[in-house]
PDB file of N, CA and C in Angstrom:
ATOM      1  N   ALA A   1       0.254  -0.953   0.164  1.00  0.00           N
ATOM      2  CA  ALA A   1      -0.054   0.019  -0.118  1.00  0.00           C
ATOM      3  C   ALA A   1       0.651   1.500  -0.033  1.00  0.00           C
ATOM      4  N   ALA A   2       0.579   2.201  -0.498  1.00  0.00           N
ATOM      5  CA  ALA A   2       1.129   3.615  -0.381  1.00  0.00           C
ATOM      6  C   ALA A   2       0.007   4.168  -0.076  1.00  0.00           C
ATOM      7  N   LEU A   3       0.416   4.613   1.057  1.00  0.00           N
ATOM      8  CA  LEU A   3      -0.034   5.921   1.886  1.00  0.00           C
ATOM      9  C   LEU A   3       0.227   7.481   2.035  1.00  0.00           C
ATOM     10  N   ASN A   4      -0.658   8.489   1.194  1.00  0.00           N
ATOM     11  CA  ASN A   4      -0.289   9.658   1.687  1.00  0.00           C
ATOM     12  C   ASN A   4      -0.685  10.495   2.897  1.00  0.00           C
ATOM     13  N   VAL A   5      -2.350  10.082   3.299  1.00  0.00           N
ATOM     14  CA  VAL A   5      -3.127  10.591   4.095  1.00  0.00           C
ATOM     15  C   VAL A   5      -3.420   9.365   5.448  1.00  0.00           C
ATOM     16  N   THR A   6      -2.941   9.737   6.852  1.00  0.00           N
ATOM     17  CA  THR A   6      -3.171   9.298   7.477  1.00  0.00           C
ATOM     18  C   THR A   6      -3.407   9.494   8.868  1.00  0.00           C
ATOM     19  N   ASP A   7      -3.877   8.564  10.107  1.00  0.00           N
ATOM     20  CA  ASP A   7      -5.182   9.082  10.903  1.00  0.00           C
ATOM     21  C   ASP A   7      -4.053   8.597  12.395  1.00  0.00           C
ATOM     22  N   SER A   8      -3.522   9.666  12.669  1.00  0.00           N
ATOM     23  CA  SER A   8      -3.147  11.065  12.826  1.00  0.00           C
ATOM     24  C   SER A   8      -1.866  11.454  11.958  1.00  0.00           C
ATOM     25  N   GLU A   9      -2.212  12.666  11.366  1.00  0.00           N
ATOM     26  CA  GLU A   9      -0.736  13.313  10.753  1.00  0.00           C
ATOM     27  C   GLU A   9      -0.664  14.477  11.939  1.00  0.00           C
ATOM     28  N   PRO A  10       1.034  14.197  11.757  1.00  0.00           N
ATOM     29  CA  PRO A  10       1.759  13.131  11.049  1.00  0.00           C
ATOM     30  C   PRO A  10       1.743  12.031  12.017  1.00  0.00           C
ATOM     31  N   LEU A  11       1.885  10.864  11.047  1.00  0.00           N
ATOM     32  CA  LEU A  11       1.772   9.286  11.977  1.00  0.00           C
ATOM     33  C   LEU A  11       3.078   9.323  12.703  1.00  0.00           C
ATOM     34  N   PRO A  12       2.450   9.154  14.168  1.00  0.00           N
ATOM     35  CA  PRO A  12       3.336   9.210  15.231  1.00  0.00           C
ATOM     36  C   PRO A  12       4.709   8.076  14.775  1.00  0.00           C
ATOM     37  N   GLU A  13       5.915   8.472  15.040  1.00  0.00           N
ATOM     38  CA  GLU A  13       6.686   7.824  15.270  1.00  0.00           C
ATOM     39  C   GLU A  13       7.186   6.326  15.526  1.00  0.00           C
ATOM     40  N   ASP A  14       6.132   5.810  16.442  1.00  0.00           N
ATOM     41  CA  ASP A  14       5.878   4.091  17.011  1.00  0.00           C
ATOM     42  C   ASP A  14       4.547   3.444  16.289  1.00  0.00           C
ATOM     43  N   HIS A  15       3.956   4.133  15.176  1.00  0.00           N
ATOM     44  CA  HIS A  15       2.690   3.953  14.535  1.00  0.00           C
ATOM     45  C   HIS A  15       3.131   2.187  13.772  1.00  0.00           C
ATOM     46  N   PRO A  16       2.515   1.614  13.689  1.00  0.00           N
ATOM     47  CA  PRO A  16       2.831  -0.318  13.459  1.00  0.00           C
ATOM     48  C   PRO A  16       3.085   0.139  11.920  1.00  0.00           C
ATOM     49  N   LEU A  17       2.275   1.147  11.345  1.00  0.00           N
ATOM     50  CA  LEU A  17       2.674   0.894  10.177  1.00  0.00           C
ATOM     51  C   LEU A  17       3.439   1.207   9.453  1.00  0.00           C
ATOM     52  N   TRP A  18       4.671   2.456  10.207  1.00  0.00           N
ATOM     53  CA  TRP A  18       6.127   1.929   9.812  1.00  0.00           C
ATOM     54  C   TRP A  18       7.284   0.580   9.832  1.00  0.00           C
ATOM     55  N   THR A  19       6.067  -0.348  10.186  1.00  0.00           N
ATOM     56  CA  THR A  19       6.988  -1.545  10.346  1.00  0.00           C
ATOM     57  C   THR A  19       6.664  -2.310   9.450  1.00  0.00           C
ATOM     58  N   PHE A  20       5.418  -2.473   8.788  1.00  0.00           N
ATOM     59  CA  PHE A  20       5.479  -2.929   7.621  1.00  0.00           C
ATOM     60  C   PHE A  20       6.170  -2.743   6.488  1.00  0.00           C
ATOM     61  N   LYS A  21       6.906  -4.164   5.646  1.00  0.00           N
ATOM     62  CA  LYS A  21       7.802  -3.877   4.480  1.00  0.00           C
ATOM     63  C   LYS A  21       7.126  -3.553   3.174  1.00  0.00           C
ATOM     64  N   ASN A  22       5.882  -3.753   3.099  1.00  0.00           N
ATOM     65  CA  ASN A  22       4.280  -3.848   1.825  1.00  0.00           C
ATOM     66  C   ASN A  22       4.246  -2.324   1.856  1.00  0.00           C
ATOM     67  N   VAL A  23       4.184  -1.480   2.544  1.00  0.00           N
ATOM     68  CA  VAL A  23       4.001   0.166   3.062  1.00  0.00           C
ATOM     69  C   VAL A  23       4.514   0.582   2.409  1.00  0.00           C
ATOM     70  N   LEU A  24       4.440   1.913   2.130  1.00  0.00           N
ATOM     71  CA  LEU A  24       4.880   3.103   1.243  1.00  0.00           C
ATOM     72  C   LEU A  24       4.186   4.062   1.829  1.00  0.00           C
ATOM     73  N   ILE A  25       5.030   5.434   2.902  1.00  0.00           N
ATOM     74  CA  ILE A  25       4.478   6.172   3.789  1.00  0.00           C
ATOM     75  C   ILE A  25       5.084   7.595   2.927  1.00  0.00           C
ATOM     76  N   MET A  26       4.102   8.123   2.435  1.00  0.00           N
ATOM     77  CA  MET A  26       4.487   9.746   1.615  1.00  0.00           C
ATOM     78  C   MET A  26       4.263  11.032   2.777  1.00  0.00           C
ATOM     79  N   PRO A  27       4.628  12.156   2.073  1.00  0.00           N
ATOM     80  CA  PRO A  27       3.798  13.150   2.998  1.00  0.00           C
ATOM     81  C   PRO A  27       2.836  13.633   2.578  1.00  0.00           C
ATOM     82  N   HIS A  28       1.777  13.914   3.047  1.00  0.00           N
ATOM     83  CA  HIS A  28       0.236  14.382   2.432  1.00  0.00           C
ATOM     84  C   HIS A  28       0.470  16.084   1.611  1.00  0.00           C
ATOM     85  N   ASN A  29       1.283  16.079   0.673  1.00  0.00           N
ATOM     86  CA  ASN A  29       2.150  17.681   0.453  1.00  0.00           C
ATOM     87  C   ASN A  29       1.477  18.368  -0.680  1.00  0.00           C
ATOM     88  N   ALA A  30       0.692  17.281  -1.374  1.00  0.00           N
ATOM     89  CA  ALA A  30       0.520  17.471  -2.948  1.00  0.00           C
ATOM     90  C   ALA A  30      -0.575  18.173  -3.267  1.00  0.00           C
ATOM     91  N   GLY A  31      -1.521  18.920  -2.476  1.00  0.00           N
ATOM     92  CA  GLY A  31      -2.006  19.933  -2.325  1.00  0.00           C
ATOM     93  C   GLY A  31      -2.166  21.518  -2.958  1.00  0.00           C
ATOM     94  N   HIS A  32      -1.212  21.698  -2.716  1.00  0.00           N
ATOM     95  CA  HIS A  32      -0.666  22.968  -2.625  1.00  0.00           C
ATOM     96  C   HIS A  32       0.733  23.431  -3.770  1.00  0.00           C
ATOM     97  N   THR A  33       0.664  23.899  -5.113  1.00  0.00           N
ATOM     98  CA  THR A  33       1.468  24.540  -5.751  1.00  0.00           C
ATOM     99  C   THR A  33       1.809  25.649  -6.169  1.00  0.00           C
ATOM    100  N   SER A  34       2.605  26.214  -6.840  1.00  0.00           N
ATOM    101  CA  SER A  34       2.708  27.817  -7.293  1.00  0.00           C
ATOM    102  C   SER A  34       1.700  28.084  -7.917  1.00  0.00           C
ATOM    103  N   ARG A  35       0.735  27.331  -8.184  1.00  0.00           N
ATOM    104  CA  ARG A  35      -0.548  28.208  -9.020  1.00  0.00           C
ATOM    105  C   ARG A  35      -2.019  28.040  -8.344  1.00  0.00           C
ATOM    106  N   HIS A  36      -1.566  27.077  -7.063  1.00  0.00           N
ATOM    107  CA  HIS A  36      -3.025  27.071  -6.125  1.00  0.00           C
ATOM    108  C   HIS A  36      -3.800  27.738  -5.853  1.00  0.00           C
ATOM    109  N   TYR A  37      -3.441  28.920  -5.231  1.00  0.00           N
ATOM    110  CA  TYR A  37      -5.064  30.183  -4.940  1.00  0.00           C
ATOM    111  C   TYR A  37      -4.720  30.596  -6.933  1.00  0.00           C
ATOM    112  N   GLU A  38      -3.866  30.630  -7.553  1.00  0.00           N
ATOM    113  CA  GLU A  38      -4.202  31.535  -8.329  1.00  0.00           C
ATOM    114  C   GLU A  38      -6.272  30.422  -8.892  1.00  0.00           C
ATOM    115  N   ARG A  39      -4.998  29.222  -9.912  1.00  0.00           N
ATOM    116  CA  ARG A  39      -6.428  28.464 -10.339  1.00  0.00           C
ATOM    117  C   ARG A  39      -8.282  28.156  -8.898  1.00  0.00           C
ATOM    118  N   LEU A  40      -7.608  28.178  -7.077  1.00  0.00           N
ATOM    119  CA  LEU A  40      -8.986  28.395  -6.734  1.00  0.00           C
ATOM    120  C   LEU A  40      -9.612  29.627  -7.031  1.00  0.00           C
ATOM    121  N   ALA A  41      -8.758  30.484  -7.003  1.00  0.00           N
ATOM    122  CA  ALA A  41      -9.879  31.963  -7.121  1.00  0.00           C
ATOM    123  C   ALA A  41     -10.413  31.843  -8.666  1.00  0.00           C
ATOM    124  N   ASP A  42      -9.885  31.483  -9.750  1.00  0.00           N
ATOM    125  CA  ASP A  42     -10.555  30.666 -10.845  1.00  0.00           C
ATOM    126  C   ASP A  42     -11.846  30.129 -10.804  1.00  0.00           C
ATOM    127  N   ILE A  43     -11.810  29.254 -10.236  1.00  0.00           N
ATOM    128  CA  ILE A  43     -12.626  28.027 -10.105  1.00  0.00           C
ATOM    129  C   ILE A  43     -13.798  28.912  -9.559  1.00  0.00           C
ATOM    130  N   ALA A  44     -13.393  29.395  -8.287  1.00  0.00           N
ATOM    131  CA  ALA A  44     -14.045  30.716  -7.505  1.00  0.00           C
ATOM    132  C   ALA A  44     -15.178  31.492  -8.400  1.00  0.00           C
ATOM    133  N   ALA A  45     -14.283  31.754  -9.177  1.00  0.00           N
ATOM    134  CA  ALA A  45     -15.145  33.329  -9.915  1.00  0.00           C
ATOM    135  C   ALA A  45     -16.200  32.726 -11.320  1.00  0.00           C
ATOM    136  N   ARG A  46     -15.896  31.342 -11.390  1.00  0.00           N
ATOM    137  CA  ARG A  46     -16.521  30.637 -12.678  1.00  0.00           C
ATOM    138  C   ARG A  46     -17.705  30.057 -12.168  1.00  0.00           C
ATOM    139  N   ASN A  47     -17.542  29.653 -10.868  1.00  0.00           N
ATOM    140  CA  ASN A  47     -18.415  29.755  -9.654  1.00  0.00           C
ATOM    141  C   ASN A  47     -19.518  30.306  -9.777  1.00  0.00           C
ATOM    142  N   VAL A  48     -19.118  31.750  -9.735  1.00  0.00           N
ATOM    143  CA  VAL A  48     -19.850  32.849  -9.169  1.00  0.00           C
ATOM    144  C   VAL A  48     -20.641  33.055 -10.474  1.00  0.00           C
ATOM    145  N   GLU A  49     -19.919  33.557 -11.654  1.00  0.00           N
ATOM    146  CA  GLU A  49     -20.444  33.319 -13.257  1.00  0.00           C
ATOM    147  C   GLU A  49     -21.648  32.619 -12.923  1.00  0.00           C
ATOM    148  N   LEU A  50     -22.103  30.965 -13.158  1.00  0.00           N
ATOM    149  CA  LEU A  50     -22.179  29.612 -12.631  1.00  0.00           C
ATOM    150  C   LEU A  50     -23.801  30.100 -12.336  1.00  0.00           C
ATOM    151  N   ILE A  51     -23.631  30.307 -10.505  1.00  0.00           N
ATOM    152  CA  ILE A  51     -25.014  30.646  -9.946  1.00  0.00           C
ATOM    153  C   ILE A  51     -25.108  31.775 -10.455  1.00  0.00           C
ATOM    154  N   GLU A  52     -24.754  33.112 -10.854  1.00  0.00           N
ATOM    155  CA  GLU A  52     -25.291  34.317 -11.573  1.00  0.00           C
ATOM    156  C   GLU A  52     -26.648  33.699 -12.288  1.00  0.00           C
ATOM    157  N   ASN A  53     -25.258  32.643 -13.379  1.00  0.00           N
ATOM    158  CA  ASN A  53     -26.575  32.719 -14.178  1.00  0.00           C
ATOM    159  C   ASN A  53     -27.494  31.622 -14.383  1.00  0.00           C
ATOM    160  N   GLY A  54     -27.998  31.031 -12.980  1.00  0.00           N
ATOM    161  CA  GLY A  54     -28.626  29.393 -13.015  1.00  0.00           C
ATOM    162  C   GLY A  54     -28.670  28.569 -13.616  1.00  0.00           C
ATOM    163  N   THR A  55     -26.767  28.331 -14.371  1.00  0.00           N
ATOM    164  CA  THR A  55     -26.469  27.166 -14.193  1.00  0.00           C
ATOM    165  C   THR A  55     -26.208  26.645 -13.445  1.00  0.00           C
ATOM    166  N   SER A  56     -25.890  25.096 -13.957  1.00  0.00           N
ATOM    167  CA  SER A  56     -25.156  23.914 -12.964  1.00  0.00           C
ATOM    168  C   SER A  56     -24.963  22.823 -13.788  1.00  0.00           C
ATOM    169  N   PRO A  57     -24.424  21.683 -13.349  1.00  0.00           N
ATOM    170  CA  PRO A  57     -23.471  21.769 -11.582  1.00  0.00           C
ATOM    171  C   PRO A  57     -22.635  23.260 -11.626  1.00  0.00           C
ATOM    172  N   LEU A  58     -22.089  23.094 -10.413  1.00  0.00           N
ATOM    173  CA  LEU A  58     -20.541  23.846 -10.026  1.00  0.00           C
ATOM    174  C   LEU A  58     -19.646  23.120 -10.533  1.00  0.00           C
ATOM    175  N   GLU A  59     -18.736  24.171 -10.777  1.00  0.00           N
ATOM    176  CA  GLU A  59     -17.824  23.274 -11.062  1.00  0.00           C
ATOM    177  C   GLU A  59     -16.650  22.444  -9.887  1.00  0.00           C
ATOM    178  N   ASN A  60     -16.332  21.198  -9.580  1.00  0.00           N
ATOM    179  CA  ASN A  60     -16.196  21.321  -8.141  1.00  0.00           C
ATOM    180  C   ASN A  60     -17.130  20.491  -7.328  1.00  0.00           C
ATOM    181  N   GLN A  61     -18.034  20.689  -7.409  1.00  0.00           N
ATOM    182  CA  GLN A  61     -19.207  20.932  -6.067  1.00  0.00           C
ATOM    183  C   GLN A  61     -19.288  19.266  -5.508  1.00  0.00           C
ATOM    184  N   VAL A  62     -19.229  19.280  -4.432  1.00  0.00           N
ATOM    185  CA  VAL A  62     -19.626  17.870  -3.914  1.00  0.00           C
ATOM    186  C   VAL A  62     -20.635  17.854  -3.705  1.00  0.00           C
ATOM    187  N   VAL A  63     -21.005  16.440  -3.949  1.00  0.00           N
ATOM    188  CA  VAL A  63     -22.464  16.014  -3.806  1.00  0.00           C
ATOM    189  C   VAL A  63     -22.775  15.002  -2.786  1.00  0.00           C
ATOM    190  N   PRO A  64     -23.998  15.481  -1.782  1.00  0.00           N
ATOM    191  CA  PRO A  64     -23.939  14.110  -0.831  1.00  0.00           C
ATOM    192  C   PRO A  64     -24.564  13.017  -1.309  1.00  0.00           C
ATOM    193  N   ALA A  65     -24.106  11.487  -1.212  1.00  0.00           N
ATOM    194  CA  ALA A  65     -24.909  10.145  -1.281  1.00  0.00           C
ATOM    195  C   ALA A  65     -26.114  10.701  -1.284  1.00  0.00           C
ATOM    196  N   SER A  66     -27.207   9.732  -1.670  1.00  0.00           N
ATOM    197  CA  SER A  66     -28.171   9.976  -1.223  1.00  0.00           C
ATOM    198  C   SER A  66     -28.750   9.608  -0.135  1.00  0.00           C
ATOM    199  N   SER A  67     -29.491   9.623   0.753  1.00  0.00           N
ATOM    200  CA  SER A  67     -30.117   8.922   1.838  1.00  0.00           C
ATOM    201  C   SER A  67     -30.878   7.845   1.621  1.00  0.00           C
ATOM    202  N   THR A  68     -31.119   7.526   0.493  1.00  0.00           N
ATOM    203  CA  THR A  68     -32.341   6.639   0.568  1.00  0.00           C
ATOM    204  C   THR A  68     -32.180   5.185   0.070  1.00  0.00           C
TER     205      THR A  68
END
């Protein structure tokens, strides 16, 4: 397994996952790039336009699973 998210973070030094030969643990740092905030602002601006125009779905919209 290759993990870049663990519970808890950072993974404590004495956690058993560190001892498994078939587990690769990587830092969880892939979210921010040099253009992260610029891209985030672009998505937010497009979504404001979609809302103003009554258009859907929104970009990157998270839709909860149906409870039925």
